[in-house]
């Protein structure tokens, strides 16, 4: 597998996490029998999926779910009171609030 293919893929899906999710989904579809969109050279489904993404073989609506819009989607609801704010401020260093109301014991 070409180790530089990731850089070609980032043109289509700039976020590496989203790229991994998109490639995994396409590789799963290929292993279940989906028709390859690039010439198949008897390669692994993951490599074939990455070559398809790098070759821009997808319609924009197929790639759209993997592109980040920069904000929370409208259908995602955050329950009030469940968000925790960052601690600190007023010259203090910021630290994330603990996941639970208890202190961690190491």
PDB file of N, CA and C in Angstrom:
ATOM      1  N   UNK A   1       0.848  -1.176   0.000  1.00  0.00           N
ATOM      2  CA  UNK A   1       0.000   0.000   0.000  1.00  0.00           C
ATOM      3  C   UNK A   1       0.892   1.237   0.000  1.00  0.00           C
ATOM      4  N   UNK A   2       0.480   2.228  -0.746  1.00  0.00           N
ATOM      5  CA  UNK A   2       1.203   3.485  -0.836  1.00  0.00           C
ATOM      6  C   UNK A   2       1.016   4.271   0.461  1.00  0.00           C
ATOM      7  N   UNK A   3       2.085   4.548   1.213  1.00  0.00           N
ATOM      8  CA  UNK A   3       1.917   5.260   2.481  1.00  0.00           C
ATOM      9  C   UNK A   3       1.514   6.719   2.310  1.00  0.00           C
ATOM     10  N   UNK A   4       1.670   7.260   1.124  1.00  0.00           N
ATOM     11  CA  UNK A   4       1.322   8.661   0.883  1.00  0.00           C
ATOM     12  C   UNK A   4      -0.104   8.845   0.384  1.00  0.00           C
ATOM     13  N   UNK A   5      -0.858   7.772   0.276  1.00  0.00           N
ATOM     14  CA  UNK A   5      -2.224   7.867  -0.237  1.00  0.00           C
ATOM     15  C   UNK A   5      -3.119   8.688   0.686  1.00  0.00           C
ATOM     16  N   UNK A   6      -2.759   8.732   1.957  1.00  0.00           N
ATOM     17  CA  UNK A   6      -3.562   9.492   2.921  1.00  0.00           C
ATOM     18  C   UNK A   6      -3.589  10.964   2.538  1.00  0.00           C
ATOM     19  N   UNK A   7      -2.475  11.486   2.044  1.00  0.00           N
ATOM     20  CA  UNK A   7      -2.425  12.895   1.662  1.00  0.00           C
ATOM     21  C   UNK A   7      -3.335  13.172   0.470  1.00  0.00           C
ATOM     22  N   UNK A   8      -3.440  12.226  -0.449  1.00  0.00           N
ATOM     23  CA  UNK A   8      -4.372  12.374  -1.568  1.00  0.00           C
ATOM     24  C   UNK A   8      -5.814  12.284  -1.084  1.00  0.00           C
ATOM     25  N   UNK A   9      -6.056  11.436  -0.102  1.00  0.00           N
ATOM     26  CA  UNK A   9      -7.411  11.280   0.439  1.00  0.00           C
ATOM     27  C   UNK A   9      -7.866  12.523   1.185  1.00  0.00           C
ATOM     28  N   UNK A  10      -6.922  13.237   1.813  1.00  0.00           N
ATOM     29  CA  UNK A  10      -7.290  14.420   2.584  1.00  0.00           C
ATOM     30  C   UNK A  10      -7.828  15.543   1.709  1.00  0.00           C
ATOM     31  N   UNK A  11      -7.609  15.479   0.405  1.00  0.00           N
ATOM     32  CA  UNK A  11      -8.223  16.463  -0.493  1.00  0.00           C
ATOM     33  C   UNK A  11      -9.729  16.267  -0.554  1.00  0.00           C
ATOM     34  N   UNK A  12     -10.175  15.030  -0.461  1.00  0.00           N
ATOM     35  CA  UNK A  12     -11.610  14.736  -0.503  1.00  0.00           C
ATOM     36  C   UNK A  12     -12.240  14.834   0.877  1.00  0.00           C
ATOM     37  N   UNK A  13     -11.564  14.299   1.896  1.00  0.00           N
ATOM     38  CA  UNK A  13     -12.065  14.314   3.282  1.00  0.00           C
ATOM     39  C   UNK A  13     -10.936  14.863   4.148  1.00  0.00           C
ATOM     40  N   UNK A  14     -10.965  16.163   4.478  1.00  0.00           N
ATOM     41  CA  UNK A  14      -9.831  16.785   5.166  1.00  0.00           C
ATOM     42  C   UNK A  14      -9.576  16.284   6.588  1.00  0.00           C
ATOM     43  N   UNK A  15     -10.574  15.838   7.287  1.00  0.00           N
ATOM     44  CA  UNK A  15     -10.412  15.394   8.669  1.00  0.00           C
ATOM     45  C   UNK A  15      -9.982  13.930   8.678  1.00  0.00           C
ATOM     46  N   UNK A  16      -8.880  13.623   9.353  1.00  0.00           N
ATOM     47  CA  UNK A  16      -8.356  12.250   9.329  1.00  0.00           C
ATOM     48  C   UNK A  16      -9.268  11.259  10.038  1.00  0.00           C
ATOM     49  N   UNK A  17      -9.938  11.699  11.091  1.00  0.00           N
ATOM     50  CA  UNK A  17     -10.878  10.807  11.770  1.00  0.00           C
ATOM     51  C   UNK A  17     -12.038  10.474  10.835  1.00  0.00           C
ATOM     52  N   UNK A  18     -12.594  11.491  10.184  1.00  0.00           N
ATOM     53  CA  UNK A  18     -13.691  11.264   9.248  1.00  0.00           C
ATOM     54  C   UNK A  18     -13.225  10.402   8.080  1.00  0.00           C
ATOM     55  N   UNK A  19     -11.988  10.594   7.661  1.00  0.00           N
ATOM     56  CA  UNK A  19     -11.431   9.774   6.585  1.00  0.00           C
ATOM     57  C   UNK A  19     -11.357   8.308   7.003  1.00  0.00           C
ATOM     58  N   UNK A  20     -10.932   8.057   8.230  1.00  0.00           N
ATOM     59  CA  UNK A  20     -10.859   6.679   8.720  1.00  0.00           C
ATOM     60  C   UNK A  20     -12.238   6.041   8.770  1.00  0.00           C
ATOM     61  N   UNK A  21     -13.236   6.807   9.205  1.00  0.00           N
ATOM     62  CA  UNK A  21     -14.603   6.282   9.275  1.00  0.00           C
ATOM     63  C   UNK A  21     -15.139   6.010   7.869  1.00  0.00           C
ATOM     64  N   UNK A  22     -14.889   6.944   6.943  1.00  0.00           N
ATOM     65  CA  UNK A  22     -15.359   6.771   5.565  1.00  0.00           C
ATOM     66  C   UNK A  22     -14.685   5.572   4.900  1.00  0.00           C
ATOM     67  N   UNK A  23     -13.378   5.442   5.084  1.00  0.00           N
ATOM     68  CA  UNK A  23     -12.653   4.324   4.478  1.00  0.00           C
ATOM     69  C   UNK A  23     -13.092   2.993   5.079  1.00  0.00           C
ATOM     70  N   UNK A  24     -13.335   2.968   6.380  1.00  0.00           N
ATOM     71  CA  UNK A  24     -13.786   1.727   7.017  1.00  0.00           C
ATOM     72  C   UNK A  24     -15.161   1.321   6.508  1.00  0.00           C
ATOM     73  N   UNK A  25     -16.048   2.293   6.360  1.00  0.00           N
ATOM     74  CA  UNK A  25     -17.386   1.992   5.849  1.00  0.00           C
ATOM     75  C   UNK A  25     -17.349   1.482   4.419  1.00  0.00           C
ATOM     76  N   UNK A  26     -16.525   2.127   3.595  1.00  0.00           N
ATOM     77  CA  UNK A  26     -16.420   1.690   2.198  1.00  0.00           C
ATOM     78  C   UNK A  26     -15.737   0.322   2.108  1.00  0.00           C
ATOM     79  N   UNK A  27     -14.721   0.083   2.935  1.00  0.00           N
ATOM     80  CA  UNK A  27     -14.044  -1.217   2.932  1.00  0.00           C
ATOM     81  C   UNK A  27     -15.004  -2.322   3.351  1.00  0.00           C
ATOM     82  N   UNK A  28     -15.863  -2.024   4.309  1.00  0.00           N
ATOM     83  CA  UNK A  28     -16.871  -3.000   4.740  1.00  0.00           C
ATOM     84  C   UNK A  28     -17.815  -3.322   3.582  1.00  0.00           C
ATOM     85  N   UNK A  29     -18.230  -2.274   2.862  1.00  0.00           N
ATOM     86  CA  UNK A  29     -19.128  -2.490   1.724  1.00  0.00           C
ATOM     87  C   UNK A  29     -18.438  -3.308   0.635  1.00  0.00           C
ATOM     88  N   UNK A  30     -17.165  -3.023   0.392  1.00  0.00           N
ATOM     89  CA  UNK A  30     -16.429  -3.781  -0.620  1.00  0.00           C
ATOM     90  C   UNK A  30     -16.273  -5.244  -0.220  1.00  0.00           C
ATOM     91  N   UNK A  31     -16.019  -5.493   1.046  1.00  0.00           N
ATOM     92  CA  UNK A  31     -15.863  -6.885   1.475  1.00  0.00           C
ATOM     93  C   UNK A  31     -17.184  -7.640   1.450  1.00  0.00           C
ATOM     94  N   UNK A  32     -18.300  -6.911   1.456  1.00  0.00           N
ATOM     95  CA  UNK A  32     -19.620  -7.549   1.364  1.00  0.00           C
ATOM     96  C   UNK A  32     -20.078  -7.717  -0.081  1.00  0.00           C
ATOM     97  N   UNK A  33     -19.246  -7.265  -1.024  1.00  0.00           N
ATOM     98  CA  UNK A  33     -19.573  -7.510  -2.420  1.00  0.00           C
ATOM     99  C   UNK A  33     -19.893  -6.288  -3.251  1.00  0.00           C
ATOM    100  N   UNK A  34     -19.701  -5.089  -2.731  1.00  0.00           N
ATOM    101  CA  UNK A  34     -19.951  -3.877  -3.521  1.00  0.00           C
ATOM    102  C   UNK A  34     -18.971  -3.815  -4.690  1.00  0.00           C
ATOM    103  N   UNK A  35     -19.414  -3.202  -5.753  1.00  0.00           N
ATOM    104  CA  UNK A  35     -18.602  -3.101  -6.962  1.00  0.00           C
ATOM    105  C   UNK A  35     -17.516  -2.035  -6.779  1.00  0.00           C
ATOM    106  N   UNK A  36     -16.231  -2.372  -7.007  1.00  0.00           N
ATOM    107  CA  UNK A  36     -15.161  -1.374  -6.878  1.00  0.00           C
ATOM    108  C   UNK A  36     -15.294  -0.284  -7.931  1.00  0.00           C
ATOM    109  N   UNK A  37     -14.904   0.936  -7.576  1.00  0.00           N
ATOM    110  CA  UNK A  37     -14.997   2.075  -8.490  1.00  0.00           C
ATOM    111  C   UNK A  37     -13.662   2.398  -9.143  1.00  0.00           C
ATOM    112  N   UNK A  38     -12.638   1.679  -8.791  1.00  0.00           N
ATOM    113  CA  UNK A  38     -11.332   1.797  -9.440  1.00  0.00           C
ATOM    114  C   UNK A  38     -10.926   0.398  -9.880  1.00  0.00           C
ATOM    115  N   UNK A  39      -9.992   0.287 -10.823  1.00  0.00           N
ATOM    116  CA  UNK A  39      -9.568  -1.054 -11.247  1.00  0.00           C
ATOM    117  C   UNK A  39      -9.055  -1.869 -10.062  1.00  0.00           C
ATOM    118  N   UNK A  40      -9.611  -3.045  -9.901  1.00  0.00           N
ATOM    119  CA  UNK A  40      -9.258  -3.916  -8.777  1.00  0.00           C
ATOM    120  C   UNK A  40      -8.014  -4.710  -9.132  1.00  0.00           C
ATOM    121  N   UNK A  41      -6.979  -4.543  -8.328  1.00  0.00           N
ATOM    122  CA  UNK A  41      -5.735  -5.279  -8.553  1.00  0.00           C
ATOM    123  C   UNK A  41      -5.537  -6.317  -7.460  1.00  0.00           C
ATOM    124  N   UNK A  42      -6.622  -6.937  -7.029  1.00  0.00           N
ATOM    125  CA  UNK A  42      -6.589  -7.957  -5.974  1.00  0.00           C
ATOM    126  C   UNK A  42      -5.947  -7.416  -4.704  1.00  0.00           C
ATOM    127  N   UNK A  43      -6.339  -6.199  -4.341  1.00  0.00           N
ATOM    128  CA  UNK A  43      -5.812  -5.586  -3.125  1.00  0.00           C
ATOM    129  C   UNK A  43      -6.810  -5.760  -1.991  1.00  0.00           C
ATOM    130  N   UNK A  44      -6.383  -5.436  -0.802  1.00  0.00           N
ATOM    131  CA  UNK A  44      -7.248  -5.519   0.371  1.00  0.00           C
ATOM    132  C   UNK A  44      -8.362  -4.477   0.259  1.00  0.00           C
ATOM    133  N   UNK A  45      -9.517  -4.741   0.844  1.00  0.00           N
ATOM    134  CA  UNK A  45     -10.630  -3.789   0.764  1.00  0.00           C
ATOM    135  C   UNK A  45     -10.294  -2.401   1.319  1.00  0.00           C
ATOM    136  N   UNK A  46      -9.464  -2.336   2.349  1.00  0.00           N
ATOM    137  CA  UNK A  46      -9.108  -1.030   2.922  1.00  0.00           C
ATOM    138  C   UNK A  46      -8.289  -0.219   1.930  1.00  0.00           C
ATOM    139  N   UNK A  47      -7.331  -0.858   1.294  1.00  0.00           N
ATOM    140  CA  UNK A  47      -6.516  -0.152   0.313  1.00  0.00           C
ATOM    141  C   UNK A  47      -7.360   0.278  -0.882  1.00  0.00           C
ATOM    142  N   UNK A  48      -8.250  -0.575  -1.311  1.00  0.00           N
ATOM    143  CA  UNK A  48      -9.138  -0.244  -2.418  1.00  0.00           C
ATOM    144  C   UNK A  48     -10.034   0.936  -2.056  1.00  0.00           C
ATOM    145  N   UNK A  49     -10.545   0.958  -0.829  1.00  0.00           N
ATOM    146  CA  UNK A  49     -11.387   2.065  -0.375  1.00  0.00           C
ATOM    147  C   UNK A  49     -10.599   3.369  -0.361  1.00  0.00           C
ATOM    148  N   UNK A  50      -9.369   3.329   0.121  1.00  0.00           N
ATOM    149  CA  UNK A  50      -8.544   4.538   0.145  1.00  0.00           C
ATOM    150  C   UNK A  50      -8.216   5.018  -1.266  1.00  0.00           C
ATOM    151  N   UNK A  51      -7.965   4.087  -2.187  1.00  0.00           N
ATOM    152  CA  UNK A  51      -7.706   4.492  -3.576  1.00  0.00           C
ATOM    153  C   UNK A  51      -8.941   5.113  -4.210  1.00  0.00           C
ATOM    154  N   UNK A  52     -10.123   4.614  -3.866  1.00  0.00           N
ATOM    155  CA  UNK A  52     -11.362   5.209  -4.380  1.00  0.00           C
ATOM    156  C   UNK A  52     -11.546   6.625  -3.843  1.00  0.00           C
ATOM    157  N   UNK A  53     -11.279   6.810  -2.551  1.00  0.00           N
ATOM    158  CA  UNK A  53     -11.427   8.142  -1.961  1.00  0.00           C
ATOM    159  C   UNK A  53     -10.398   9.092  -2.558  1.00  0.00           C
ATOM    160  N   UNK A  54      -9.156   8.649  -2.703  1.00  0.00           N
ATOM    161  CA  UNK A  54      -8.103   9.493  -3.273  1.00  0.00           C
ATOM    162  C   UNK A  54      -8.389   9.841  -4.725  1.00  0.00           C
ATOM    163  N   UNK A  55      -9.049   8.942  -5.441  1.00  0.00           N
ATOM    164  CA  UNK A  55      -9.360   9.172  -6.846  1.00  0.00           C
ATOM    165  C   UNK A  55     -10.641   9.945  -7.083  1.00  0.00           C
ATOM    166  N   UNK A  56     -11.260  10.457  -6.022  1.00  0.00           N
ATOM    167  CA  UNK A  56     -12.510  11.233  -6.130  1.00  0.00           C
ATOM    168  C   UNK A  56     -13.575  10.473  -6.909  1.00  0.00           C
ATOM    169  N   UNK A  57     -13.796   9.228  -6.554  1.00  0.00           N
ATOM    170  CA  UNK A  57     -14.782   8.387  -7.231  1.00  0.00           C
ATOM    171  C   UNK A  57     -16.157   8.445  -6.584  1.00  0.00           C
ATOM    172  N   UNK A  58     -16.384   9.429  -5.723  1.00  0.00           N
ATOM    173  CA  UNK A  58     -17.646   9.529  -5.009  1.00  0.00           C
ATOM    174  C   UNK A  58     -18.388  10.790  -5.393  1.00  0.00           C
ATOM    175  N   UNK A  59     -19.706  10.724  -5.310  1.00  0.00           N
ATOM    176  CA  UNK A  59     -20.540  11.903  -5.510  1.00  0.00           C
ATOM    177  C   UNK A  59     -20.445  12.772  -4.256  1.00  0.00           C
ATOM    178  N   UNK A  60     -20.648  14.088  -4.382  1.00  0.00           N
ATOM    179  CA  UNK A  60     -20.563  14.958  -3.205  1.00  0.00           C
ATOM    180  C   UNK A  60     -21.508  14.557  -2.074  1.00  0.00           C
ATOM    181  N   UNK A  61     -22.703  14.053  -2.406  1.00  0.00           N
ATOM    182  CA  UNK A  61     -23.639  13.670  -1.341  1.00  0.00           C
ATOM    183  C   UNK A  61     -23.191  12.398  -0.612  1.00  0.00           C
ATOM    184  N   UNK A  62     -22.320  11.596  -1.228  1.00  0.00           N
ATOM    185  CA  UNK A  62     -21.802  10.406  -0.556  1.00  0.00           C
ATOM    186  C   UNK A  62     -20.717  10.763   0.459  1.00  0.00           C
ATOM    187  N   UNK A  63     -19.961  11.808   0.180  1.00  0.00           N
ATOM    188  CA  UNK A  63     -18.875  12.226   1.058  1.00  0.00           C
ATOM    189  C   UNK A  63     -19.369  13.214   2.113  1.00  0.00           C
ATOM    190  N   UNK A  64     -20.473  13.873   1.853  1.00  0.00           N
ATOM    191  CA  UNK A  64     -20.972  14.934   2.734  1.00  0.00           C
ATOM    192  C   UNK A  64     -21.127  14.516   4.197  1.00  0.00           C
ATOM    193  N   UNK A  65     -21.617  13.310   4.526  1.00  0.00           N
ATOM    194  CA  UNK A  65     -21.739  12.952   5.947  1.00  0.00           C
ATOM    195  C   UNK A  65     -20.408  12.932   6.694  1.00  0.00           C
ATOM    196  N   UNK A  66     -19.294  12.839   5.974  1.00  0.00           N
ATOM    197  CA  UNK A  66     -17.991  12.758   6.619  1.00  0.00           C
ATOM    198  C   UNK A  66     -17.282  14.101   6.695  1.00  0.00           C
ATOM    199  N   UNK A  67     -17.883  15.144   6.144  1.00  0.00           N
ATOM    200  CA  UNK A  67     -17.294  16.473   6.211  1.00  0.00           C
ATOM    201  C   UNK A  67     -17.860  17.204   7.412  1.00  0.00           C
ATOM    202  N   UNK A  68     -17.001  17.849   8.168  1.00  0.00           N
ATOM    203  CA  UNK A  68     -17.437  18.566   9.355  1.00  0.00           C
ATOM    204  C   UNK A  68     -17.970  19.931   8.960  1.00  0.00           C
ATOM    205  N   UNK A  69     -19.115  20.287   9.505  1.00  0.00           N
ATOM    206  CA  UNK A  69     -19.728  21.571   9.193  1.00  0.00           C
ATOM    207  C   UNK A  69     -19.209  22.677  10.095  1.00  0.00           C
ATOM    208  N   UNK A  70     -18.519  22.338  11.164  1.00  0.00           N
ATOM    209  CA  UNK A  70     -17.995  23.335  12.067  1.00  0.00           C
ATOM    210  C   UNK A  70     -18.918  23.650  13.223  1.00  0.00           C
ATOM    211  N   UNK A  71     -20.083  23.064  13.235  1.00  0.00           N
ATOM    212  CA  UNK A  71     -21.004  23.285  14.344  1.00  0.00           C
ATOM    213  C   UNK A  71     -21.771  21.998  14.607  1.00  0.00           C
ATOM    214  N   UNK A  72     -22.528  22.012  15.669  1.00  0.00           N
ATOM    215  CA  UNK A  72     -23.331  20.849  16.030  1.00  0.00           C
ATOM    216  C   UNK A  72     -24.523  20.765  15.086  1.00  0.00           C
ATOM    217  N   UNK A  73     -24.823  19.610  14.521  1.00  0.00           N
ATOM    218  CA  UNK A  73     -25.989  19.486  13.648  1.00  0.00           C
ATOM    219  C   UNK A  73     -27.275  19.865  14.377  1.00  0.00           C
ATOM    220  N   UNK A  74     -28.247  20.312  13.630  1.00  0.00           N
ATOM    221  CA  UNK A  74     -29.502  20.774  14.218  1.00  0.00           C
ATOM    222  C   UNK A  74     -30.275  19.676  14.923  1.00  0.00           C
ATOM    223  N   UNK A  75     -30.134  18.446  14.473  1.00  0.00           N
ATOM    224  CA  UNK A  75     -30.916  17.374  15.080  1.00  0.00           C
ATOM    225  C   UNK A  75     -30.286  16.825  16.363  1.00  0.00           C
ATOM    226  N   UNK A  76     -29.110  17.312  16.731  1.00  0.00           N
ATOM    227  CA  UNK A  76     -28.471  16.894  17.976  1.00  0.00           C
ATOM    228  C   UNK A  76     -28.922  17.836  19.081  1.00  0.00           C
ATOM    229  N   UNK A  77     -29.448  17.267  20.142  1.00  0.00           N
ATOM    230  CA  UNK A  77     -29.926  18.077  21.259  1.00  0.00           C
ATOM    231  C   UNK A  77     -29.032  17.840  22.468  1.00  0.00           C
ATOM    232  N   UNK A  78     -28.670  18.921  23.111  1.00  0.00           N
ATOM    233  CA  UNK A  78     -27.881  18.836  24.329  1.00  0.00           C
ATOM    234  C   UNK A  78     -28.810  19.149  25.481  1.00  0.00           C
ATOM    235  N   UNK A  79     -28.892  18.223  26.422  1.00  0.00           N
ATOM    236  CA  UNK A  79     -29.785  18.434  27.556  1.00  0.00           C
ATOM    237  C   UNK A  79     -29.225  19.526  28.459  1.00  0.00           C
ATOM    238  N   UNK A  80     -30.072  20.473  28.878  1.00  0.00           N
ATOM    239  CA  UNK A  80     -29.578  21.517  29.772  1.00  0.00           C
ATOM    240  C   UNK A  80     -29.134  20.922  31.101  1.00  0.00           C
ATOM    241  N   UNK A  81     -28.096  21.505  31.668  1.00  0.00           N
ATOM    242  CA  UNK A  81     -27.587  21.033  32.942  1.00  0.00           C
ATOM    243  C   UNK A  81     -26.590  19.898  32.816  1.00  0.00           C
ATOM    244  N   UNK A  82     -26.422  19.342  31.629  1.00  0.00           N
ATOM    245  CA  UNK A  82     -25.497  18.222  31.441  1.00  0.00           C
ATOM    246  C   UNK A  82     -24.121  18.707  30.972  1.00  0.00           C
ATOM    247  N   UNK A  83     -24.039  19.940  30.525  1.00  0.00           N
ATOM    248  CA  UNK A  83     -22.761  20.461  30.076  1.00  0.00           C
ATOM    249  C   UNK A  83     -21.953  20.912  31.284  1.00  0.00           C
ATOM    250  N   UNK A  84     -20.673  20.673  31.235  1.00  0.00           N
ATOM    251  CA  UNK A  84     -19.793  21.149  32.292  1.00  0.00           C
ATOM    252  C   UNK A  84     -18.866  22.190  31.683  1.00  0.00           C
ATOM    253  N   UNK A  85     -18.646  23.253  32.417  1.00  0.00           N
ATOM    254  CA  UNK A  85     -17.789  24.320  31.928  1.00  0.00           C
ATOM    255  C   UNK A  85     -16.344  24.028  32.315  1.00  0.00           C
ATOM    256  N   UNK A  86     -15.443  24.682  31.596  1.00  0.00           N
ATOM    257  CA  UNK A  86     -14.040  24.554  31.939  1.00  0.00           C
ATOM    258  C   UNK A  86     -13.765  25.293  33.232  1.00  0.00           C
ATOM    259  N   UNK A  87     -12.906  24.738  34.039  1.00  0.00           N
ATOM    260  CA  UNK A  87     -12.507  25.408  35.270  1.00  0.00           C
ATOM    261  C   UNK A  87     -11.420  26.418  34.951  1.00  0.00           C
ATOM    262  N   UNK A  88     -11.243  27.340  35.835  1.00  0.00           N
ATOM    263  CA  UNK A  88     -10.164  28.300  35.671  1.00  0.00           C
ATOM    264  C   UNK A  88     -10.703  29.656  35.275  1.00  0.00           C
ATOM    265  N   UNK A  89      -9.885  30.410  34.632  1.00  0.00           N
ATOM    266  CA  UNK A  89     -10.250  31.763  34.264  1.00  0.00           C
ATOM    267  C   UNK A  89      -9.596  32.737  35.224  1.00  0.00           C
ATOM    268  N   UNK A  90      -9.762  33.982  35.017  1.00  0.00           N
ATOM    269  CA  UNK A  90      -9.174  35.032  35.845  1.00  0.00           C
ATOM    270  C   UNK A  90      -7.689  34.769  36.104  1.00  0.00           C
ATOM    271  N   UNK A  91      -6.945  34.483  35.057  1.00  0.00           N
ATOM    272  CA  UNK A  91      -5.518  34.286  35.209  1.00  0.00           C
ATOM    273  C   UNK A  91      -5.105  32.868  35.553  1.00  0.00           C
ATOM    274  N   UNK A  92      -6.055  31.989  35.837  1.00  0.00           N
ATOM    275  CA  UNK A  92      -5.719  30.604  36.146  1.00  0.00           C
ATOM    276  C   UNK A  92      -5.645  29.808  34.847  1.00  0.00           C
ATOM    277  N   UNK A  93      -4.929  28.705  34.900  1.00  0.00           N
ATOM    278  CA  UNK A  93      -4.892  27.857  33.713  1.00  0.00           C
ATOM    279  C   UNK A  93      -6.201  27.082  33.617  1.00  0.00           C
ATOM    280  N   UNK A  94      -6.670  26.889  32.403  1.00  0.00           N
ATOM    281  CA  UNK A  94      -7.924  26.178  32.192  1.00  0.00           C
ATOM    282  C   UNK A  94      -7.697  24.678  32.254  1.00  0.00           C
ATOM    283  N   UNK A  95      -8.617  23.991  32.865  1.00  0.00           N
ATOM    284  CA  UNK A  95      -8.580  22.529  32.921  1.00  0.00           C
ATOM    285  C   UNK A  95      -9.994  22.026  32.732  1.00  0.00           C
ATOM    286  N   UNK A  96     -10.130  20.887  32.115  1.00  0.00           N
ATOM    287  CA  UNK A  96     -11.458  20.324  31.884  1.00  0.00           C
ATOM    288  C   UNK A  96     -12.072  19.883  33.204  1.00  0.00           C
ATOM    289  N   UNK A  97     -13.381  20.026  33.303  1.00  0.00           N
ATOM    290  CA  UNK A  97     -14.096  19.586  34.499  1.00  0.00           C
ATOM    291  C   UNK A  97     -14.036  18.069  34.584  1.00  0.00           C
ATOM    292  N   UNK A  98     -14.049  17.500  35.784  1.00  0.00           N
ATOM    293  CA  UNK A  98     -14.009  16.040  35.894  1.00  0.00           C
ATOM    294  C   UNK A  98     -15.271  15.411  35.320  1.00  0.00           C
ATOM    295  N   UNK A  99     -15.142  14.182  34.873  1.00  0.00           N
ATOM    296  CA  UNK A  99     -16.283  13.487  34.281  1.00  0.00           C
ATOM    297  C   UNK A  99     -17.350  13.199  35.322  1.00  0.00           C
ATOM    298  N   UNK A 100     -16.948  12.974  36.552  1.00  0.00           N
ATOM    299  CA  UNK A 100     -17.879  12.691  37.630  1.00  0.00           C
ATOM    300  C   UNK A 100     -17.682  13.732  38.722  1.00  0.00           C
ATOM    301  N   UNK A 101     -18.619  13.822  39.624  1.00  0.00           N
ATOM    302  CA  UNK A 101     -18.534  14.793  40.692  1.00  0.00           C
ATOM    303  C   UNK A 101     -17.535  14.420  41.771  1.00  0.00           C
ATOM    304  N   UNK A 102     -16.835  13.312  41.625  1.00  0.00           N
ATOM    305  CA  UNK A 102     -15.888  12.856  42.635  1.00  0.00           C
ATOM    306  C   UNK A 102     -14.467  13.120  42.167  1.00  0.00           C
ATOM    307  N   UNK A 103     -13.574  13.171  43.120  1.00  0.00           N
ATOM    308  CA  UNK A 103     -12.162  13.341  42.788  1.00  0.00           C
ATOM    309  C   UNK A 103     -11.566  11.987  42.406  1.00  0.00           C
ATOM    310  N   UNK A 104     -10.642  12.012  41.497  1.00  0.00           N
ATOM    311  CA  UNK A 104      -9.977  10.778  41.084  1.00  0.00           C
ATOM    312  C   UNK A 104      -8.908  10.403  42.093  1.00  0.00           C
ATOM    313  N   UNK A 105      -8.806   9.142  42.412  1.00  0.00           N
ATOM    314  CA  UNK A 105      -7.788   8.646  43.325  1.00  0.00           C
ATOM    315  C   UNK A 105      -6.825   7.798  42.514  1.00  0.00           C
ATOM    316  N   UNK A 106      -5.564   8.127  42.593  1.00  0.00           N
ATOM    317  CA  UNK A 106      -4.559   7.392  41.818  1.00  0.00           C
ATOM    318  C   UNK A 106      -3.780   6.489  42.707  1.00  0.00           C
TER     319      UNK A 106
END
